[in-house]
Amino acid sequence: MDKNIVLQEINKVCKRVFRDESLTVTEATAAKDVDGWDSISNLFLIDELEKTFNMKFELDDILNAQNIGDLATVISSRA
């Protein structure tokens, strides 16, 4: 799947998870950049991404992801 399309969908998921319609994420966006992105909301984000893209992250994928771009790379490689 094209990474730009993946990023657009991730953006929609982030708006829902973080309940902020004005939120825009980029490949460089990390947890520290988003108000309310903590360990619990991270679980919700991963769950919503798995549902949206009909895939499962490996534990290493989650542990090694430093930003949205890392998640998008994993998703685009598996979709």
PDB file of N, CA and C in Angstrom:
ATOM      1  N   MET A   1       0.840  -1.168   0.000  1.00  0.00           N
ATOM      2  CA  MET A   1       0.000   0.000   0.000  1.00  0.00           C
ATOM      3  C   MET A   1       0.895   1.244   0.000  1.00  0.00           C
ATOM      4  N   ASP A   2       0.482   2.260  -0.725  1.00  0.00           N
ATOM      5  CA  ASP A   2       1.239   3.505  -0.821  1.00  0.00           C
ATOM      6  C   ASP A   2       1.345   4.181   0.543  1.00  0.00           C
ATOM      7  N   LYS A   3       2.554   4.597   0.894  1.00  0.00           N
ATOM      8  CA  LYS A   3       2.803   5.162   2.219  1.00  0.00           C
ATOM      9  C   LYS A   3       2.016   6.456   2.448  1.00  0.00           C
ATOM     10  N   ASN A   4       1.801   7.257   1.406  1.00  0.00           N
ATOM     11  CA  ASN A   4       1.025   8.489   1.563  1.00  0.00           C
ATOM     12  C   ASN A   4      -0.425   8.198   1.927  1.00  0.00           C
ATOM     13  N   ILE A   5      -0.978   7.163   1.349  1.00  0.00           N
ATOM     14  CA  ILE A   5      -2.350   6.759   1.677  1.00  0.00           C
ATOM     15  C   ILE A   5      -2.395   6.256   3.117  1.00  0.00           C
ATOM     16  N   VAL A   6      -1.391   5.487   3.492  1.00  0.00           N
ATOM     17  CA  VAL A   6      -1.294   4.993   4.865  1.00  0.00           C
ATOM     18  C   VAL A   6      -1.243   6.165   5.836  1.00  0.00           C
ATOM     19  N   LEU A   7      -0.437   7.168   5.536  1.00  0.00           N
ATOM     20  CA  LEU A   7      -0.326   8.337   6.415  1.00  0.00           C
ATOM     21  C   LEU A   7      -1.653   9.084   6.533  1.00  0.00           C
ATOM     22  N   GLN A   8      -2.393   9.179   5.445  1.00  0.00           N
ATOM     23  CA  GLN A   8      -3.710   9.826   5.492  1.00  0.00           C
ATOM     24  C   GLN A   8      -4.652   9.072   6.427  1.00  0.00           C
ATOM     25  N   GLU A   9      -4.641   7.761   6.332  1.00  0.00           N
ATOM     26  CA  GLU A   9      -5.506   6.955   7.189  1.00  0.00           C
ATOM     27  C   GLU A   9      -5.048   7.010   8.650  1.00  0.00           C
ATOM     28  N   ILE A  10      -3.740   6.997   8.873  1.00  0.00           N
ATOM     29  CA  ILE A  10      -3.221   7.123  10.236  1.00  0.00           C
ATOM     30  C   ILE A  10      -3.669   8.453  10.830  1.00  0.00           C
ATOM     31  N   ASN A  11      -3.648   9.492  10.024  1.00  0.00           N
ATOM     32  CA  ASN A  11      -4.098  10.803  10.490  1.00  0.00           C
ATOM     33  C   ASN A  11      -5.540  10.746  10.977  1.00  0.00           C
ATOM     34  N   LYS A  12      -6.408  10.083  10.224  1.00  0.00           N
ATOM     35  CA  LYS A  12      -7.814   9.940  10.620  1.00  0.00           C
ATOM     36  C   LYS A  12      -7.937   9.174  11.941  1.00  0.00           C
ATOM     37  N   VAL A  13      -7.158   8.101  12.064  1.00  0.00           N
ATOM     38  CA  VAL A  13      -7.181   7.296  13.286  1.00  0.00           C
ATOM     39  C   VAL A  13      -6.715   8.132  14.479  1.00  0.00           C
ATOM     40  N   CYS A  14      -5.659   8.892  14.290  1.00  0.00           N
ATOM     41  CA  CYS A  14      -5.135   9.730  15.383  1.00  0.00           C
ATOM     42  C   CYS A  14      -6.155  10.768  15.824  1.00  0.00           C
ATOM     43  N   LYS A  15      -6.867  11.348  14.894  1.00  0.00           N
ATOM     44  CA  LYS A  15      -7.907  12.327  15.246  1.00  0.00           C
ATOM     45  C   LYS A  15      -8.969  11.683  16.136  1.00  0.00           C
ATOM     46  N   ARG A  16      -9.333  10.433  15.816  1.00  0.00           N
ATOM     47  CA  ARG A  16     -10.326   9.720  16.627  1.00  0.00           C
ATOM     48  C   ARG A  16      -9.769   9.346  17.993  1.00  0.00           C
ATOM     49  N   VAL A  17      -8.600   8.728  18.005  1.00  0.00           N
ATOM     50  CA  VAL A  17      -8.016   8.221  19.248  1.00  0.00           C
ATOM     51  C   VAL A  17      -7.734   9.358  20.231  1.00  0.00           C
ATOM     52  N   PHE A  18      -7.189  10.453  19.713  1.00  0.00           N
ATOM     53  CA  PHE A  18      -6.812  11.559  20.595  1.00  0.00           C
ATOM     54  C   PHE A  18      -7.910  12.615  20.712  1.00  0.00           C
ATOM     55  N   ARG A  19      -9.042  12.332  20.080  1.00  0.00           N
ATOM     56  CA  ARG A  19     -10.221  13.215  20.147  1.00  0.00           C
ATOM     57  C   ARG A  19      -9.872  14.666  19.851  1.00  0.00           C
ATOM     58  N   ASP A  20      -9.187  14.851  18.724  1.00  0.00           N
ATOM     59  CA  ASP A  20      -8.754  16.185  18.329  1.00  0.00           C
ATOM     60  C   ASP A  20      -8.836  16.288  16.801  1.00  0.00           C
ATOM     61  N   GLU A  21      -9.915  16.875  16.314  1.00  0.00           N
ATOM     62  CA  GLU A  21     -10.125  17.002  14.876  1.00  0.00           C
ATOM     63  C   GLU A  21      -9.113  17.940  14.213  1.00  0.00           C
ATOM     64  N   SER A  22      -8.443  18.789  14.995  1.00  0.00           N
ATOM     65  CA  SER A  22      -7.466  19.706  14.418  1.00  0.00           C
ATOM     66  C   SER A  22      -6.071  19.076  14.342  1.00  0.00           C
ATOM     67  N   LEU A  23      -5.912  17.890  14.893  1.00  0.00           N
ATOM     68  CA  LEU A  23      -4.614  17.212  14.919  1.00  0.00           C
ATOM     69  C   LEU A  23      -4.195  16.801  13.511  1.00  0.00           C
ATOM     70  N   THR A  24      -2.955  17.092  13.179  1.00  0.00           N
ATOM     71  CA  THR A  24      -2.362  16.622  11.931  1.00  0.00           C
ATOM     72  C   THR A  24      -1.024  15.993  12.278  1.00  0.00           C
ATOM     73  N   VAL A  25      -0.861  14.740  11.917  1.00  0.00           N
ATOM     74  CA  VAL A  25       0.400  14.048  12.189  1.00  0.00           C
ATOM     75  C   VAL A  25       1.177  13.895  10.893  1.00  0.00           C
ATOM     76  N   THR A  26       2.494  13.857  11.035  1.00  0.00           N
ATOM     77  CA  THR A  26       3.393  13.637   9.912  1.00  0.00           C
ATOM     78  C   THR A  26       4.268  12.432  10.246  1.00  0.00           C
ATOM     79  N   GLU A  27       5.132  12.085   9.331  1.00  0.00           N
ATOM     80  CA  GLU A  27       6.037  10.961   9.598  1.00  0.00           C
ATOM     81  C   GLU A  27       6.898  11.216  10.823  1.00  0.00           C
ATOM     82  N   ALA A  28       7.225  12.466  11.082  1.00  0.00           N
ATOM     83  CA  ALA A  28       8.109  12.810  12.196  1.00  0.00           C
ATOM     84  C   ALA A  28       7.381  12.927  13.536  1.00  0.00           C
ATOM     85  N   THR A  29       6.064  12.891  13.532  1.00  0.00           N
ATOM     86  CA  THR A  29       5.306  13.050  14.773  1.00  0.00           C
ATOM     87  C   THR A  29       5.577  11.889  15.716  1.00  0.00           C
ATOM     88  N   ALA A  30       5.918  12.224  16.964  1.00  0.00           N
ATOM     89  CA  ALA A  30       6.168  11.234  18.008  1.00  0.00           C
ATOM     90  C   ALA A  30       5.222  11.506  19.173  1.00  0.00           C
ATOM     91  N   ALA A  31       5.196  10.593  20.112  1.00  0.00           N
ATOM     92  CA  ALA A  31       4.276  10.708  21.255  1.00  0.00           C
ATOM     93  C   ALA A  31       4.447  12.036  21.981  1.00  0.00           C
ATOM     94  N   LYS A  32       5.669  12.506  22.116  1.00  0.00           N
ATOM     95  CA  LYS A  32       5.920  13.756  22.838  1.00  0.00           C
ATOM     96  C   LYS A  32       5.287  14.965  22.153  1.00  0.00           C
ATOM     97  N   ASP A  33       4.925  14.827  20.879  1.00  0.00           N
ATOM     98  CA  ASP A  33       4.370  15.934  20.107  1.00  0.00           C
ATOM     99  C   ASP A  33       2.857  16.056  20.200  1.00  0.00           C
ATOM    100  N   VAL A  34       2.203  15.056  20.804  1.00  0.00           N
ATOM    101  CA  VAL A  34       0.739  15.024  20.827  1.00  0.00           C
ATOM    102  C   VAL A  34       0.246  15.029  22.273  1.00  0.00           C
ATOM    103  N   ASP A  35      -0.568  16.037  22.586  1.00  0.00           N
ATOM    104  CA  ASP A  35      -1.168  16.092  23.923  1.00  0.00           C
ATOM    105  C   ASP A  35      -2.013  14.851  24.161  1.00  0.00           C
ATOM    106  N   GLY A  36      -1.804  14.215  25.296  1.00  0.00           N
ATOM    107  CA  GLY A  36      -2.604  13.052  25.652  1.00  0.00           C
ATOM    108  C   GLY A  36      -2.078  11.725  25.139  1.00  0.00           C
ATOM    109  N   TRP A  37      -0.959  11.736  24.416  1.00  0.00           N
ATOM    110  CA  TRP A  37      -0.407  10.472  23.914  1.00  0.00           C
ATOM    111  C   TRP A  37       0.453   9.875  25.015  1.00  0.00           C
ATOM    112  N   ASP A  38      -0.144   8.964  25.767  1.00  0.00           N
ATOM    113  CA  ASP A  38       0.555   8.281  26.850  1.00  0.00           C
ATOM    114  C   ASP A  38       0.510   6.784  26.589  1.00  0.00           C
ATOM    115  N   SER A  39       0.917   5.997  27.558  1.00  0.00           N
ATOM    116  CA  SER A  39       0.991   4.545  27.342  1.00  0.00           C
ATOM    117  C   SER A  39      -0.376   3.922  27.079  1.00  0.00           C
ATOM    118  N   ILE A  40      -1.397   4.427  27.734  1.00  0.00           N
ATOM    119  CA  ILE A  40      -2.742   3.878  27.522  1.00  0.00           C
ATOM    120  C   ILE A  40      -3.273   4.255  26.147  1.00  0.00           C
ATOM    121  N   SER A  41      -3.150   5.527  25.788  1.00  0.00           N
ATOM    122  CA  SER A  41      -3.648   5.942  24.474  1.00  0.00           C
ATOM    123  C   SER A  41      -2.832   5.287  23.361  1.00  0.00           C
ATOM    124  N   ASN A  42      -1.569   4.950  23.638  1.00  0.00           N
ATOM    125  CA  ASN A  42      -0.769   4.233  22.657  1.00  0.00           C
ATOM    126  C   ASN A  42      -1.373   2.858  22.357  1.00  0.00           C
ATOM    127  N   LEU A  43      -1.861   2.201  23.399  1.00  0.00           N
ATOM    128  CA  LEU A  43      -2.533   0.902  23.196  1.00  0.00           C
ATOM    129  C   LEU A  43      -3.771   1.060  22.322  1.00  0.00           C
ATOM    130  N   PHE A  44      -4.553   2.113  22.587  1.00  0.00           N
ATOM    131  CA  PHE A  44      -5.744   2.380  21.774  1.00  0.00           C
ATOM    132  C   PHE A  44      -5.351   2.685  20.333  1.00  0.00           C
ATOM    133  N   LEU A  45      -4.278   3.451  20.153  1.00  0.00           N
ATOM    134  CA  LEU A  45      -3.821   3.791  18.802  1.00  0.00           C
ATOM    135  C   LEU A  45      -3.420   2.536  18.036  1.00  0.00           C
ATOM    136  N   ILE A  46      -2.623   1.694  18.643  1.00  0.00           N
ATOM    137  CA  ILE A  46      -2.186   0.454  17.972  1.00  0.00           C
ATOM    138  C   ILE A  46      -3.386  -0.421  17.630  1.00  0.00           C
ATOM    139  N   ASP A  47      -4.321  -0.550  18.560  1.00  0.00           N
ATOM    140  CA  ASP A  47      -5.523  -1.354  18.324  1.00  0.00           C
ATOM    141  C   ASP A  47      -6.328  -0.804  17.144  1.00  0.00           C
ATOM    142  N   GLU A  48      -6.514   0.513  17.114  1.00  0.00           N
ATOM    143  CA  GLU A  48      -7.280   1.126  16.022  1.00  0.00           C
ATOM    144  C   GLU A  48      -6.559   0.997  14.688  1.00  0.00           C
ATOM    145  N   LEU A  49      -5.234   1.122  14.701  1.00  0.00           N
ATOM    146  CA  LEU A  49      -4.484   0.950  13.460  1.00  0.00           C
ATOM    147  C   LEU A  49      -4.600  -0.485  12.951  1.00  0.00           C
ATOM    148  N   GLU A  50      -4.520  -1.451  13.851  1.00  0.00           N
ATOM    149  CA  GLU A  50      -4.662  -2.857  13.444  1.00  0.00           C
ATOM    150  C   GLU A  50      -6.039  -3.107  12.842  1.00  0.00           C
ATOM    151  N   LYS A  51      -7.075  -2.546  13.426  1.00  0.00           N
ATOM    152  CA  LYS A  51      -8.432  -2.709  12.887  1.00  0.00           C
ATOM    153  C   LYS A  51      -8.571  -2.014  11.534  1.00  0.00           C
ATOM    154  N   THR A  52      -8.073  -0.797  11.448  1.00  0.00           N
ATOM    155  CA  THR A  52      -8.205  -0.016  10.216  1.00  0.00           C
ATOM    156  C   THR A  52      -7.507  -0.679   9.048  1.00  0.00           C
ATOM    157  N   PHE A  53      -6.324  -1.210   9.285  1.00  0.00           N
ATOM    158  CA  PHE A  53      -5.527  -1.791   8.207  1.00  0.00           C
ATOM    159  C   PHE A  53      -5.616  -3.313   8.148  1.00  0.00           C
ATOM    160  N   ASN A  54      -6.448  -3.903   9.018  1.00  0.00           N
ATOM    161  CA  ASN A  54      -6.667  -5.343   9.022  1.00  0.00           C
ATOM    162  C   ASN A  54      -5.341  -6.110   9.073  1.00  0.00           C
ATOM    163  N   MET A  55      -4.532  -5.746  10.061  1.00  0.00           N
ATOM    164  CA  MET A  55      -3.235  -6.388  10.239  1.00  0.00           C
ATOM    165  C   MET A  55      -2.892  -6.399  11.717  1.00  0.00           C
ATOM    166  N   LYS A  56      -1.817  -7.092  12.047  1.00  0.00           N
ATOM    167  CA  LYS A  56      -1.332  -7.153  13.424  1.00  0.00           C
ATOM    168  C   LYS A  56       0.126  -6.709  13.455  1.00  0.00           C
ATOM    169  N   PHE A  57       0.439  -5.848  14.404  1.00  0.00           N
ATOM    170  CA  PHE A  57       1.829  -5.464  14.620  1.00  0.00           C
ATOM    171  C   PHE A  57       2.521  -6.553  15.416  1.00  0.00           C
ATOM    172  N   GLU A  58       3.782  -6.777  15.135  1.00  0.00           N
ATOM    173  CA  GLU A  58       4.621  -7.618  15.966  1.00  0.00           C
ATOM    174  C   GLU A  58       5.076  -6.762  17.143  1.00  0.00           C
ATOM    175  N   LEU A  59       5.417  -7.382  18.261  1.00  0.00           N
ATOM    176  CA  LEU A  59       5.873  -6.638  19.426  1.00  0.00           C
ATOM    177  C   LEU A  59       7.084  -5.770  19.087  1.00  0.00           C
ATOM    178  N   ASP A  60       8.015  -6.314  18.314  1.00  0.00           N
ATOM    179  CA  ASP A  60       9.198  -5.542  17.924  1.00  0.00           C
ATOM    180  C   ASP A  60       8.834  -4.305  17.111  1.00  0.00           C
ATOM    181  N   ASP A  61       7.785  -4.404  16.284  1.00  0.00           N
ATOM    182  CA  ASP A  61       7.339  -3.248  15.500  1.00  0.00           C
ATOM    183  C   ASP A  61       6.947  -2.100  16.427  1.00  0.00           C
ATOM    184  N   ILE A  62       6.239  -2.436  17.470  1.00  0.00           N
ATOM    185  CA  ILE A  62       5.750  -1.426  18.416  1.00  0.00           C
ATOM    186  C   ILE A  62       6.903  -0.873  19.242  1.00  0.00           C
ATOM    187  N   LEU A  63       7.753  -1.753  19.731  1.00  0.00           N
ATOM    188  CA  LEU A  63       8.866  -1.318  20.575  1.00  0.00           C
ATOM    189  C   LEU A  63       9.880  -0.470  19.811  1.00  0.00           C
ATOM    190  N   ASN A  64      10.059  -0.747  18.530  1.00  0.00           N
ATOM    191  CA  ASN A  64      11.054  -0.029  17.737  1.00  0.00           C
ATOM    192  C   ASN A  64      10.522   1.235  17.079  1.00  0.00           C
ATOM    193  N   ALA A  65       9.214   1.419  17.073  1.00  0.00           N
ATOM    194  CA  ALA A  65       8.628   2.596  16.426  1.00  0.00           C
ATOM    195  C   ALA A  65       8.926   3.844  17.246  1.00  0.00           C
ATOM    196  N   GLN A  66       9.579   4.792  16.616  1.00  0.00           N
ATOM    197  CA  GLN A  66       9.915   6.052  17.277  1.00  0.00           C
ATOM    198  C   GLN A  66       8.949   7.177  16.906  1.00  0.00           C
ATOM    199  N   ASN A  67       8.207   6.981  15.801  1.00  0.00           N
ATOM    200  CA  ASN A  67       7.306   8.025  15.324  1.00  0.00           C
ATOM    201  C   ASN A  67       6.256   7.434  14.378  1.00  0.00           C
ATOM    202  N   ILE A  68       5.394   8.296  13.887  1.00  0.00           N
ATOM    203  CA  ILE A  68       4.323   7.868  12.978  1.00  0.00           C
ATOM    204  C   ILE A  68       4.913   7.262  11.703  1.00  0.00           C
ATOM    205  N   GLY A  69       6.003   7.809  11.222  1.00  0.00           N
ATOM    206  CA  GLY A  69       6.629   7.285  10.012  1.00  0.00           C
ATOM    207  C   GLY A  69       7.043   5.836  10.142  1.00  0.00           C
ATOM    208  N   ASP A  70       7.547   5.473  11.318  1.00  0.00           N
ATOM    209  CA  ASP A  70       7.935   4.072  11.546  1.00  0.00           C
ATOM    210  C   ASP A  70       6.714   3.158  11.485  1.00  0.00           C
ATOM    211  N   LEU A  71       5.610   3.598  12.084  1.00  0.00           N
ATOM    212  CA  LEU A  71       4.381   2.805  12.029  1.00  0.00           C
ATOM    213  C   LEU A  71       3.873   2.708  10.592  1.00  0.00           C
ATOM    214  N   ALA A  72       3.931   3.817   9.864  1.00  0.00           N
ATOM    215  CA  ALA A  72       3.472   3.833   8.469  1.00  0.00           C
ATOM    216  C   ALA A  72       4.314   2.891   7.604  1.00  0.00           C
ATOM    217  N   THR A  73       5.591   2.825   7.867  1.00  0.00           N
ATOM    218  CA  THR A  73       6.474   1.934   7.109  1.00  0.00           C
ATOM    219  C   THR A  73       6.077   0.477   7.325  1.00  0.00           C
ATOM    220  N   VAL A  74       5.821   0.112   8.564  1.00  0.00           N
ATOM    221  CA  VAL A  74       5.402  -1.271   8.865  1.00  0.00           C
ATOM    222  C   VAL A  74       4.077  -1.570   8.178  1.00  0.00           C
ATOM    223  N   ILE A  75       3.125  -0.659   8.311  1.00  0.00           N
ATOM    224  CA  ILE A  75       1.799  -0.885   7.712  1.00  0.00           C
ATOM    225  C   ILE A  75       1.906  -0.998   6.198  1.00  0.00           C
ATOM    226  N   SER A  76       2.614  -0.082   5.553  1.00  0.00           N
ATOM    227  CA  SER A  76       2.687  -0.106   4.098  1.00  0.00           C
ATOM    228  C   SER A  76       3.409  -1.348   3.580  1.00  0.00           C
ATOM    229  N   SER A  77       4.302  -1.891   4.373  1.00  0.00           N
ATOM    230  CA  SER A  77       5.008  -3.107   3.936  1.00  0.00           C
ATOM    231  C   SER A  77       4.163  -4.362   4.056  1.00  0.00           C
ATOM    232  N   ARG A  78       3.112  -4.289   4.863  1.00  0.00           N
ATOM    233  CA  ARG A  78       2.281  -5.485   5.101  1.00  0.00           C
ATOM    234  C   ARG A  78       0.915  -5.411   4.443  1.00  0.00           C
ATOM    235  N   ALA A  79       0.520  -4.261   3.988  1.00  0.00           N
ATOM    236  CA  ALA A  79      -0.839  -4.114   3.419  1.00  0.00           C
ATOM    237  C   ALA A  79      -0.833  -4.371   1.932  1.00  0.00           C
TER     238      ALA A  79
END
